[in-house]
Amino acid sequence: MTSLPERSHNTEAADETWLTPKEICAQLQIPEQTFYQWRAKHVGPRAYRIGRHLRINRTDFVAWLALHAEE
């Protein structure tokens, strides 16, 4: 009898944190309207539609912040 190889568990994917637009706005101290305006203009952090909810991956958000930091 042959055994199946063990599946490697991707712990990186399991550790991903998803933020809501409200959480993003609280961190940035901006009105939600500003977030949605940025989204419409494609200048805000990348967001994903999960079911009927909009979520932002924390890793994407941190990368977006780094790109927009003033030097």
C-alpha atoms as a PDB file:
ATOM      1  CA  MET A   1       0.000   0.000   0.000  1.00  0.00           C
ATOM      2  CA  THR A   2       1.334   3.448  -0.916  1.00  0.00           C
ATOM      3  CA  SER A   3       0.949   6.327   1.431  1.00  0.00           C
ATOM      4  CA  LEU A   4       0.207   9.840   0.309  1.00  0.00           C
ATOM      5  CA  PRO A   5       2.885  12.442   0.871  1.00  0.00           C
ATOM      6  CA  GLU A   6       2.197  14.778   3.746  1.00  0.00           C
ATOM      7  CA  ARG A   7       0.809  18.133   2.750  1.00  0.00           C
ATOM      8  CA  SER A   8       2.926  21.077   3.688  1.00  0.00           C
ATOM      9  CA  HIS A   9       0.963  23.584   5.683  1.00  0.00           C
ATOM     10  CA  ASN A  10       1.287  27.135   4.478  1.00  0.00           C
ATOM     11  CA  THR A  11       1.415  28.978   7.787  1.00  0.00           C
ATOM     12  CA  GLU A  12       2.137  32.244   6.002  1.00  0.00           C
ATOM     13  CA  ALA A  13      -1.319  32.255   4.384  1.00  0.00           C
ATOM     14  CA  ALA A  14      -2.959  31.303   7.664  1.00  0.00           C
ATOM     15  CA  ASP A  15      -1.340  34.275   9.392  1.00  0.00           C
ATOM     16  CA  GLU A  16      -2.717  36.830   6.924  1.00  0.00           C
ATOM     17  CA  THR A  17      -4.787  39.527   8.568  1.00  0.00           C
ATOM     18  CA  TRP A  18      -7.649  41.242   6.772  1.00  0.00           C
ATOM     19  CA  LEU A  19      -8.687  44.775   7.674  1.00  0.00           C
ATOM     20  CA  THR A  20     -11.986  46.509   7.067  1.00  0.00           C
ATOM     21  CA  PRO A  21     -12.194  49.955   5.467  1.00  0.00           C
ATOM     22  CA  LYS A  22     -13.307  51.282   8.864  1.00  0.00           C
ATOM     23  CA  GLU A  23     -10.131  49.916  10.498  1.00  0.00           C
ATOM     24  CA  ILE A  24      -7.953  51.443   7.758  1.00  0.00           C
ATOM     25  CA  CYS A  25      -9.646  54.828   8.234  1.00  0.00           C
ATOM     26  CA  ALA A  26      -9.194  54.650  12.005  1.00  0.00           C
ATOM     27  CA  GLN A  27      -5.465  53.942  11.595  1.00  0.00           C
ATOM     28  CA  LEU A  28      -5.019  56.762   9.077  1.00  0.00           C
ATOM     29  CA  GLN A  29      -7.397  59.095  10.938  1.00  0.00           C
ATOM     30  CA  ILE A  30      -9.349  59.883   7.762  1.00  0.00           C
ATOM     31  CA  PRO A  31     -13.078  59.844   7.003  1.00  0.00           C
ATOM     32  CA  GLU A  32     -14.412  56.693   5.305  1.00  0.00           C
ATOM     33  CA  GLN A  33     -15.515  58.895   2.404  1.00  0.00           C
ATOM     34  CA  THR A  34     -11.838  59.653   1.683  1.00  0.00           C
ATOM     35  CA  PHE A  35     -11.013  55.928   1.551  1.00  0.00           C
ATOM     36  CA  TYR A  36     -13.803  55.299  -0.957  1.00  0.00           C
ATOM     37  CA  GLN A  37     -12.740  58.309  -3.048  1.00  0.00           C
ATOM     38  CA  TRP A  38      -9.199  56.915  -3.168  1.00  0.00           C
ATOM     39  CA  ARG A  39     -10.635  53.550  -4.149  1.00  0.00           C
ATOM     40  CA  ALA A  40     -12.626  55.094  -7.014  1.00  0.00           C
ATOM     41  CA  LYS A  41      -9.470  56.903  -8.224  1.00  0.00           C
ATOM     42  CA  HIS A  42      -7.339  53.733  -7.799  1.00  0.00           C
ATOM     43  CA  VAL A  43      -4.893  55.482  -5.472  1.00  0.00           C
ATOM     44  CA  GLY A  44      -5.714  53.753  -2.179  1.00  0.00           C
ATOM     45  CA  PRO A  45      -4.486  50.424  -0.853  1.00  0.00           C
ATOM     46  CA  ARG A  46      -5.517  47.327  -2.819  1.00  0.00           C
ATOM     47  CA  ALA A  47      -8.844  45.983  -1.570  1.00  0.00           C
ATOM     48  CA  TYR A  48     -10.528  42.649  -2.176  1.00  0.00           C
ATOM     49  CA  ARG A  49     -14.219  41.863  -2.335  1.00  0.00           C
ATOM     50  CA  ILE A  50     -14.835  38.794  -0.166  1.00  0.00           C
ATOM     51  CA  GLY A  51     -18.471  37.902  -0.555  1.00  0.00           C
ATOM     52  CA  ARG A  52     -20.171  41.249  -0.117  1.00  0.00           C
ATOM     53  CA  HIS A  53     -17.488  42.602   2.187  1.00  0.00           C
ATOM     54  CA  LEU A  54     -14.517  44.749   1.253  1.00  0.00           C
ATOM     55  CA  ARG A  55     -11.245  43.747   2.922  1.00  0.00           C
ATOM     56  CA  ILE A  56      -7.658  44.970   2.767  1.00  0.00           C
ATOM     57  CA  ASN A  57      -4.753  42.601   3.330  1.00  0.00           C
ATOM     58  CA  ARG A  58      -2.531  43.964   6.120  1.00  0.00           C
ATOM     59  CA  THR A  59       0.625  43.153   4.117  1.00  0.00           C
ATOM     60  CA  ASP A  60      -0.711  45.113   1.111  1.00  0.00           C
ATOM     61  CA  PHE A  61      -1.676  48.001   3.394  1.00  0.00           C
ATOM     62  CA  VAL A  62       1.802  48.197   4.988  1.00  0.00           C
ATOM     63  CA  ALA A  63       3.425  48.087   1.529  1.00  0.00           C
ATOM     64  CA  TRP A  64       1.075  50.845   0.305  1.00  0.00           C
ATOM     65  CA  LEU A  65       1.967  52.984   3.329  1.00  0.00           C
ATOM     66  CA  ALA A  66       5.685  52.500   2.645  1.00  0.00           C
ATOM     67  CA  LEU A  67       5.222  53.667  -0.953  1.00  0.00           C
ATOM     68  CA  HIS A  68       3.465  56.822   0.222  1.00  0.00           C
ATOM     69  CA  ALA A  69       5.827  57.784   3.025  1.00  0.00           C
ATOM     70  CA  GLU A  70       7.469  61.189   2.765  1.00  0.00           C
ATOM     71  CA  GLU A  71      11.227  61.199   2.935  1.00  0.00           C
END
